[in-house]
Amino acid sequence: MLLLGRNLGESIVIGDNIYITFVESDKSGYKFKLAIDAPRDVKISRGELYAPDTIQHEKLSKVTVSKKAPHTQEDGERPA
């Protein structure tokens, strides 16, 4: 799993045609909004919708949340 920090307005690019942009955050940094630009044939789902007995749910359950606000971490990369 790759963990990237982003600031407001910064993006992550997956492949050649999927863009995820950090567009809004509350003051605490624990609630935020992402804009996802992807082809219509790419399935995008919220993780909590997966049933507990699926491999997706197992992978998501291993992710831990830092007490540090997610957008304060820097990874040194800028979007292309």
PDB file of N, CA and C in Angstrom:
ATOM      1  N   MET A   1       0.851  -1.172   0.000  1.00  0.00           N
ATOM      2  CA  MET A   1       0.000   0.000   0.000  1.00  0.00           C
ATOM      3  C   MET A   1       0.896   1.234   0.000  1.00  0.00           C
ATOM      4  N   LEU A   2       0.550   2.196  -0.806  1.00  0.00           N
ATOM      5  CA  LEU A   2       1.282   3.450  -0.900  1.00  0.00           C
ATOM      6  C   LEU A   2       0.508   4.523  -0.144  1.00  0.00           C
ATOM      7  N   LEU A   3       1.184   5.263   0.730  1.00  0.00           N
ATOM      8  CA  LEU A   3       0.550   6.339   1.486  1.00  0.00           C
ATOM      9  C   LEU A   3       1.158   7.657   1.038  1.00  0.00           C
ATOM     10  N   LEU A   4       0.328   8.561   0.521  1.00  0.00           N
ATOM     11  CA  LEU A   4       0.790   9.859   0.040  1.00  0.00           C
ATOM     12  C   LEU A   4       0.096  10.970   0.799  1.00  0.00           C
ATOM     13  N   GLY A   5       0.818  11.983   1.154  1.00  0.00           N
ATOM     14  CA  GLY A   5       0.218  13.176   1.741  1.00  0.00           C
ATOM     15  C   GLY A   5      -0.052  14.192   0.646  1.00  0.00           C
ATOM     16  N   ARG A   6      -1.151  14.885   0.726  1.00  0.00           N
ATOM     17  CA  ARG A   6      -1.508  15.904  -0.263  1.00  0.00           C
ATOM     18  C   ARG A   6      -2.029  17.129   0.461  1.00  0.00           C
ATOM     19  N   ASN A   7      -1.822  18.271  -0.126  1.00  0.00           N
ATOM     20  CA  ASN A   7      -2.399  19.520   0.359  1.00  0.00           C
ATOM     21  C   ASN A   7      -3.618  19.850  -0.488  1.00  0.00           C
ATOM     22  N   LEU A   8      -4.443  20.758  -0.009  1.00  0.00           N
ATOM     23  CA  LEU A   8      -5.624  21.159  -0.771  1.00  0.00           C
ATOM     24  C   LEU A   8      -5.235  21.559  -2.189  1.00  0.00           C
ATOM     25  N   GLY A   9      -5.999  21.076  -3.152  1.00  0.00           N
ATOM     26  CA  GLY A   9      -5.768  21.398  -4.554  1.00  0.00           C
ATOM     27  C   GLY A   9      -4.759  20.506  -5.247  1.00  0.00           C
ATOM     28  N   GLU A  10      -4.021  19.696  -4.507  1.00  0.00           N
ATOM     29  CA  GLU A  10      -3.044  18.803  -5.111  1.00  0.00           C
ATOM     30  C   GLU A  10      -3.702  17.490  -5.514  1.00  0.00           C
ATOM     31  N   SER A  11      -3.107  16.829  -6.500  1.00  0.00           N
ATOM     32  CA  SER A  11      -3.695  15.622  -7.077  1.00  0.00           C
ATOM     33  C   SER A  11      -2.770  14.430  -6.983  1.00  0.00           C
ATOM     34  N   ILE A  12      -3.372  13.272  -7.171  1.00  0.00           N
ATOM     35  CA  ILE A  12      -2.675  12.002  -7.338  1.00  0.00           C
ATOM     36  C   ILE A  12      -3.150  11.467  -8.682  1.00  0.00           C
ATOM     37  N   VAL A  13      -2.236  10.967  -9.493  1.00  0.00           N
ATOM     38  CA  VAL A  13      -2.587  10.426 -10.803  1.00  0.00           C
ATOM     39  C   VAL A  13      -2.333   8.925 -10.778  1.00  0.00           C
ATOM     40  N   ILE A  14      -3.330   8.155 -11.187  1.00  0.00           N
ATOM     41  CA  ILE A  14      -3.218   6.701 -11.265  1.00  0.00           C
ATOM     42  C   ILE A  14      -3.287   6.321 -12.730  1.00  0.00           C
ATOM     43  N   GLY A  15      -2.238   5.666 -13.210  1.00  0.00           N
ATOM     44  CA  GLY A  15      -2.171   5.341 -14.634  1.00  0.00           C
ATOM     45  C   GLY A  15      -2.099   6.620 -15.447  1.00  0.00           C
ATOM     46  N   ASP A  16      -2.740   6.605 -16.607  1.00  0.00           N
ATOM     47  CA  ASP A  16      -2.734   7.773 -17.480  1.00  0.00           C
ATOM     48  C   ASP A  16      -4.021   8.576 -17.424  1.00  0.00           C
ATOM     49  N   ASN A  17      -5.054   8.053 -16.746  1.00  0.00           N
ATOM     50  CA  ASN A  17      -6.345   8.714 -16.898  1.00  0.00           C
ATOM     51  C   ASN A  17      -7.220   8.758 -15.642  1.00  0.00           C
ATOM     52  N   ILE A  18      -6.639   8.555 -14.478  1.00  0.00           N
ATOM     53  CA  ILE A  18      -7.403   8.665 -13.236  1.00  0.00           C
ATOM     54  C   ILE A  18      -6.734   9.716 -12.360  1.00  0.00           C
ATOM     55  N   TYR A  19      -7.491  10.755 -12.019  1.00  0.00           N
ATOM     56  CA  TYR A  19      -6.989  11.861 -11.210  1.00  0.00           C
ATOM     57  C   TYR A  19      -7.814  11.973  -9.939  1.00  0.00           C
ATOM     58  N   ILE A  20      -7.147  12.023  -8.799  1.00  0.00           N
ATOM     59  CA  ILE A  20      -7.812  12.203  -7.514  1.00  0.00           C
ATOM     60  C   ILE A  20      -7.266  13.491  -6.915  1.00  0.00           C
ATOM     61  N   THR A  21      -8.163  14.452  -6.669  1.00  0.00           N
ATOM     62  CA  THR A  21      -7.754  15.764  -6.169  1.00  0.00           C
ATOM     63  C   THR A  21      -8.366  16.004  -4.798  1.00  0.00           C
ATOM     64  N   PHE A  22      -7.564  16.477  -3.863  1.00  0.00           N
ATOM     65  CA  PHE A  22      -7.985  16.816  -2.508  1.00  0.00           C
ATOM     66  C   PHE A  22      -8.599  18.215  -2.581  1.00  0.00           C
ATOM     67  N   VAL A  23      -9.926  18.325  -2.444  1.00  0.00           N
ATOM     68  CA  VAL A  23     -10.600  19.594  -2.705  1.00  0.00           C
ATOM     69  C   VAL A  23     -11.112  20.337  -1.475  1.00  0.00           C
ATOM     70  N   GLU A  24     -11.290  19.642  -0.359  1.00  0.00           N
ATOM     71  CA  GLU A  24     -11.853  20.318   0.819  1.00  0.00           C
ATOM     72  C   GLU A  24     -11.526  19.533   2.079  1.00  0.00           C
ATOM     73  N   SER A  25     -11.307  20.257   3.183  1.00  0.00           N
ATOM     74  CA  SER A  25     -11.027  19.632   4.462  1.00  0.00           C
ATOM     75  C   SER A  25     -11.647  20.460   5.574  1.00  0.00           C
ATOM     76  N   ASP A  26     -12.115  19.778   6.632  1.00  0.00           N
ATOM     77  CA  ASP A  26     -12.568  20.540   7.789  1.00  0.00           C
ATOM     78  C   ASP A  26     -11.333  20.961   8.597  1.00  0.00           C
ATOM     79  N   LYS A  27     -11.520  21.752   9.604  1.00  0.00           N
ATOM     80  CA  LYS A  27     -10.390  22.286  10.373  1.00  0.00           C
ATOM     81  C   LYS A  27      -9.572  21.200  11.053  1.00  0.00           C
ATOM     82  N   SER A  28     -10.206  20.106  11.451  1.00  0.00           N
ATOM     83  CA  SER A  28      -9.475  19.040  12.144  1.00  0.00           C
ATOM     84  C   SER A  28      -8.620  18.213  11.184  1.00  0.00           C
ATOM     85  N   GLY A  29      -8.985  18.211   9.897  1.00  0.00           N
ATOM     86  CA  GLY A  29      -8.251  17.422   8.922  1.00  0.00           C
ATOM     87  C   GLY A  29      -8.684  15.971   8.847  1.00  0.00           C
ATOM     88  N   TYR A  30      -9.700  15.589   9.609  1.00  0.00           N
ATOM     89  CA  TYR A  30     -10.150  14.205   9.597  1.00  0.00           C
ATOM     90  C   TYR A  30     -11.335  13.962   8.669  1.00  0.00           C
ATOM     91  N   LYS A  31     -11.951  15.000   8.187  1.00  0.00           N
ATOM     92  CA  LYS A  31     -13.046  14.859   7.231  1.00  0.00           C
ATOM     93  C   LYS A  31     -12.678  15.701   6.016  1.00  0.00           C
ATOM     94  N   PHE A  32     -12.708  15.090   4.849  1.00  0.00           N
ATOM     95  CA  PHE A  32     -12.294  15.810   3.656  1.00  0.00           C
ATOM     96  C   PHE A  32     -13.069  15.303   2.447  1.00  0.00           C
ATOM     97  N   LYS A  33     -12.954  16.041   1.360  1.00  0.00           N
ATOM     98  CA  LYS A  33     -13.608  15.653   0.117  1.00  0.00           C
ATOM     99  C   LYS A  33     -12.562  15.471  -0.963  1.00  0.00           C
ATOM    100  N   LEU A  34     -12.774  14.438  -1.773  1.00  0.00           N
ATOM    101  CA  LEU A  34     -11.917  14.137  -2.899  1.00  0.00           C
ATOM    102  C   LEU A  34     -12.722  14.272  -4.181  1.00  0.00           C
ATOM    103  N   ALA A  35     -12.106  14.817  -5.217  1.00  0.00           N
ATOM    104  CA  ALA A  35     -12.708  14.831  -6.550  1.00  0.00           C
ATOM    105  C   ALA A  35     -11.999  13.745  -7.350  1.00  0.00           C
ATOM    106  N   ILE A  36     -12.769  12.852  -7.954  1.00  0.00           N
ATOM    107  CA  ILE A  36     -12.199  11.748  -8.721  1.00  0.00           C
ATOM    108  C   ILE A  36     -12.619  11.884 -10.173  1.00  0.00           C
ATOM    109  N   ASP A  37     -11.630  11.983 -11.051  1.00  0.00           N
ATOM    110  CA  ASP A  37     -11.876  12.070 -12.496  1.00  0.00           C
ATOM    111  C   ASP A  37     -11.337  10.787 -13.113  1.00  0.00           C
ATOM    112  N   ALA A  38     -12.259   9.923 -13.569  1.00  0.00           N
ATOM    113  CA  ALA A  38     -11.871   8.629 -14.114  1.00  0.00           C
ATOM    114  C   ALA A  38     -12.830   8.262 -15.240  1.00  0.00           C
ATOM    115  N   PRO A  39     -12.402   7.385 -16.149  1.00  0.00           N
ATOM    116  CA  PRO A  39     -13.302   6.926 -17.207  1.00  0.00           C
ATOM    117  C   PRO A  39     -14.544   6.253 -16.607  1.00  0.00           C
ATOM    118  N   ARG A  40     -15.636   6.300 -17.337  1.00  0.00           N
ATOM    119  CA  ARG A  40     -16.896   5.730 -16.839  1.00  0.00           C
ATOM    120  C   ARG A  40     -16.822   4.230 -16.573  1.00  0.00           C
ATOM    121  N   ASP A  41     -15.918   3.535 -17.256  1.00  0.00           N
ATOM    122  CA  ASP A  41     -15.843   2.086 -17.055  1.00  0.00           C
ATOM    123  C   ASP A  41     -15.035   1.687 -15.814  1.00  0.00           C
ATOM    124  N   VAL A  42     -14.470   2.650 -15.102  1.00  0.00           N
ATOM    125  CA  VAL A  42     -13.732   2.370 -13.870  1.00  0.00           C
ATOM    126  C   VAL A  42     -14.709   2.393 -12.702  1.00  0.00           C
ATOM    127  N   LYS A  43     -14.803   1.273 -11.986  1.00  0.00           N
ATOM    128  CA  LYS A  43     -15.716   1.181 -10.846  1.00  0.00           C
ATOM    129  C   LYS A  43     -15.082   1.878  -9.643  1.00  0.00           C
ATOM    130  N   ILE A  44     -15.820   2.794  -9.013  1.00  0.00           N
ATOM    131  CA  ILE A  44     -15.364   3.504  -7.824  1.00  0.00           C
ATOM    132  C   ILE A  44     -16.397   3.277  -6.725  1.00  0.00           C
ATOM    133  N   SER A  45     -15.957   2.753  -5.579  1.00  0.00           N
ATOM    134  CA  SER A  45     -16.866   2.454  -4.473  1.00  0.00           C
ATOM    135  C   SER A  45     -16.276   2.943  -3.161  1.00  0.00           C
ATOM    136  N   ARG A  46     -17.142   3.264  -2.221  1.00  0.00           N
ATOM    137  CA  ARG A  46     -16.698   3.570  -0.859  1.00  0.00           C
ATOM    138  C   ARG A  46     -16.341   2.252  -0.177  1.00  0.00           C
ATOM    139  N   GLY A  47     -15.218   2.238   0.548  1.00  0.00           N
ATOM    140  CA  GLY A  47     -14.732   1.014   1.176  1.00  0.00           C
ATOM    141  C   GLY A  47     -15.693   0.393   2.159  1.00  0.00           C
ATOM    142  N   GLU A  48     -16.451   1.212   2.884  1.00  0.00           N
ATOM    143  CA  GLU A  48     -17.352   0.664   3.909  1.00  0.00           C
ATOM    144  C   GLU A  48     -18.532  -0.100   3.311  1.00  0.00           C
ATOM    145  N   LEU A  49     -18.707  -0.043   1.994  1.00  0.00           N
ATOM    146  CA  LEU A  49     -19.807  -0.766   1.350  1.00  0.00           C
ATOM    147  C   LEU A  49     -19.475  -2.235   1.091  1.00  0.00           C
ATOM    148  N   TYR A  50     -18.205  -2.622   1.215  1.00  0.00           N
ATOM    149  CA  TYR A  50     -17.834  -4.010   0.989  1.00  0.00           C
ATOM    150  C   TYR A  50     -18.259  -4.865   2.174  1.00  0.00           C
ATOM    151  N   ALA A  51     -18.767  -6.037   1.881  1.00  0.00           N
ATOM    152  CA  ALA A  51     -19.188  -6.973   2.928  1.00  0.00           C
ATOM    153  C   ALA A  51     -17.974  -7.420   3.731  1.00  0.00           C
ATOM    154  N   PRO A  52     -18.169  -7.708   5.037  1.00  0.00           N
ATOM    155  CA  PRO A  52     -17.049  -8.096   5.906  1.00  0.00           C
ATOM    156  C   PRO A  52     -16.295  -9.350   5.455  1.00  0.00           C
ATOM    157  N   ASP A  53     -16.898 -10.200   4.629  1.00  0.00           N
ATOM    158  CA  ASP A  53     -16.238 -11.445   4.234  1.00  0.00           C
ATOM    159  C   ASP A  53     -15.506 -11.335   2.892  1.00  0.00           C
ATOM    160  N   THR A  54     -15.283 -10.138   2.370  1.00  0.00           N
ATOM    161  CA  THR A  54     -14.600  -9.982   1.090  1.00  0.00           C
ATOM    162  C   THR A  54     -13.138  -9.608   1.295  1.00  0.00           C
ATOM    163  N   ILE A  55     -12.314  -9.890   0.280  1.00  0.00           N
ATOM    164  CA  ILE A  55     -10.892  -9.561   0.344  1.00  0.00           C
ATOM    165  C   ILE A  55     -10.698  -8.044   0.427  1.00  0.00           C
ATOM    166  N   GLN A  56     -11.577  -7.275  -0.236  1.00  0.00           N
ATOM    167  CA  GLN A  56     -11.469  -5.818  -0.165  1.00  0.00           C
ATOM    168  C   GLN A  56     -11.646  -5.332   1.262  1.00  0.00           C
ATOM    169  N   HIS A  57     -12.613  -5.896   1.976  1.00  0.00           N
ATOM    170  CA  HIS A  57     -12.854  -5.492   3.366  1.00  0.00           C
ATOM    171  C   HIS A  57     -11.655  -5.871   4.236  1.00  0.00           C
ATOM    172  N   GLU A  58     -11.078  -7.037   3.991  1.00  0.00           N
ATOM    173  CA  GLU A  58      -9.911  -7.464   4.767  1.00  0.00           C
ATOM    174  C   GLU A  58      -8.746  -6.491   4.571  1.00  0.00           C
ATOM    175  N   LYS A  59      -8.493  -6.074   3.335  1.00  0.00           N
ATOM    176  CA  LYS A  59      -7.405  -5.125   3.061  1.00  0.00           C
ATOM    177  C   LYS A  59      -7.682  -3.780   3.723  1.00  0.00           C
ATOM    178  N   LEU A  60      -8.903  -3.295   3.633  1.00  0.00           N
ATOM    179  CA  LEU A  60      -9.248  -1.999   4.214  1.00  0.00           C
ATOM    180  C   LEU A  60      -9.165  -2.022   5.733  1.00  0.00           C
ATOM    181  N   SER A  61      -9.444  -3.173   6.348  1.00  0.00           N
ATOM    182  CA  SER A  61      -9.421  -3.250   7.805  1.00  0.00           C
ATOM    183  C   SER A  61      -8.007  -3.146   8.360  1.00  0.00           C
ATOM    184  N   LYS A  62      -6.996  -3.350   7.525  1.00  0.00           N
ATOM    185  CA  LYS A  62      -5.604  -3.259   7.959  1.00  0.00           C
ATOM    186  C   LYS A  62      -5.067  -1.828   7.902  1.00  0.00           C
ATOM    187  N   VAL A  63      -5.820  -0.904   7.332  1.00  0.00           N
ATOM    188  CA  VAL A  63      -5.394   0.488   7.232  1.00  0.00           C
ATOM    189  C   VAL A  63      -5.626   1.171   8.567  1.00  0.00           C
ATOM    190  N   THR A  64      -4.628   1.861   9.063  1.00  0.00           N
ATOM    191  CA  THR A  64      -4.772   2.594  10.318  1.00  0.00           C
ATOM    192  C   THR A  64      -4.765   4.087  10.041  1.00  0.00           C
ATOM    193  N   VAL A  65      -5.454   4.829  10.873  1.00  0.00           N
ATOM    194  CA  VAL A  65      -5.557   6.273  10.719  1.00  0.00           C
ATOM    195  C   VAL A  65      -4.636   6.931  11.731  1.00  0.00           C
ATOM    196  N   SER A  66      -3.791   7.807  11.241  1.00  0.00           N
ATOM    197  CA  SER A  66      -2.872   8.546  12.104  1.00  0.00           C
ATOM    198  C   SER A  66      -3.626   9.647  12.827  1.00  0.00           C
ATOM    199  N   LYS A  67      -3.184  10.017  14.020  1.00  0.00           N
ATOM    200  CA  LYS A  67      -3.800  11.128  14.735  1.00  0.00           C
ATOM    201  C   LYS A  67      -3.408  12.459  14.111  1.00  0.00           C
ATOM    202  N   LYS A  68      -2.371  12.454  13.284  1.00  0.00           N
ATOM    203  CA  LYS A  68      -1.941  13.658  12.577  1.00  0.00           C
ATOM    204  C   LYS A  68      -2.897  13.905  11.416  1.00  0.00           C
ATOM    205  N   ALA A  69      -3.253  15.129  11.162  1.00  0.00           N
ATOM    206  CA  ALA A  69      -4.143  15.456  10.053  1.00  0.00           C
ATOM    207  C   ALA A  69      -3.516  14.975   8.752  1.00  0.00           C
ATOM    208  N   PRO A  70      -4.277  14.248   7.909  1.00  0.00           N
ATOM    209  CA  PRO A  70      -3.697  13.631   6.723  1.00  0.00           C
ATOM    210  C   PRO A  70      -3.086  14.620   5.750  1.00  0.00           C
ATOM    211  N   HIS A  71      -3.604  15.822   5.634  1.00  0.00           N
ATOM    212  CA  HIS A  71      -3.080  16.743   4.629  1.00  0.00           C
ATOM    213  C   HIS A  71      -1.852  17.514   5.096  1.00  0.00           C
ATOM    214  N   THR A  72      -1.344  17.236   6.290  1.00  0.00           N
ATOM    215  CA  THR A  72      -0.154  17.927   6.762  1.00  0.00           C
ATOM    216  C   THR A  72       1.115  17.151   6.428  1.00  0.00           C
ATOM    217  N   GLN A  73       0.985  15.931   5.964  1.00  0.00           N
ATOM    218  CA  GLN A  73       2.148  15.134   5.605  1.00  0.00           C
ATOM    219  C   GLN A  73       2.602  15.515   4.205  1.00  0.00           C
ATOM    220  N   GLU A  74       3.894  15.571   3.988  1.00  0.00           N
ATOM    221  CA  GLU A  74       4.444  15.908   2.679  1.00  0.00           C
ATOM    222  C   GLU A  74       5.155  14.694   2.101  1.00  0.00           C
ATOM    223  N   ASP A  75       4.985  14.459   0.818  1.00  0.00           N
ATOM    224  CA  ASP A  75       5.719  13.373   0.180  1.00  0.00           C
ATOM    225  C   ASP A  75       6.752  13.899  -0.805  1.00  0.00           C
ATOM    226  N   GLY A  76       6.838  15.207  -0.979  1.00  0.00           N
ATOM    227  CA  GLY A  76       7.854  15.802  -1.819  1.00  0.00           C
ATOM    228  C   GLY A  76       7.539  15.784  -3.303  1.00  0.00           C
ATOM    229  N   GLU A  77       6.469  15.114  -3.719  1.00  0.00           N
ATOM    230  CA  GLU A  77       6.136  15.057  -5.142  1.00  0.00           C
ATOM    231  C   GLU A  77       5.045  16.063  -5.459  1.00  0.00           C
ATOM    232  N   ARG A  78       5.098  16.598  -6.646  1.00  0.00           N
ATOM    233  CA  ARG A  78       4.079  17.519  -7.136  1.00  0.00           C
ATOM    234  C   ARG A  78       3.372  16.833  -8.299  1.00  0.00           C
ATOM    235  N   PRO A  79       2.082  17.093  -8.491  1.00  0.00           N
ATOM    236  CA  PRO A  79       1.381  16.476  -9.625  1.00  0.00           C
ATOM    237  C   PRO A  79       1.918  16.998 -10.946  1.00  0.00           C
ATOM    238  N   ALA A  80       1.896  16.138 -11.954  1.00  0.00           N
ATOM    239  CA  ALA A  80       2.400  16.521 -13.286  1.00  0.00           C
ATOM    240  C   ALA A  80       1.453  17.473 -13.974  1.00  0.00           C
TER     241      ALA A  80
END
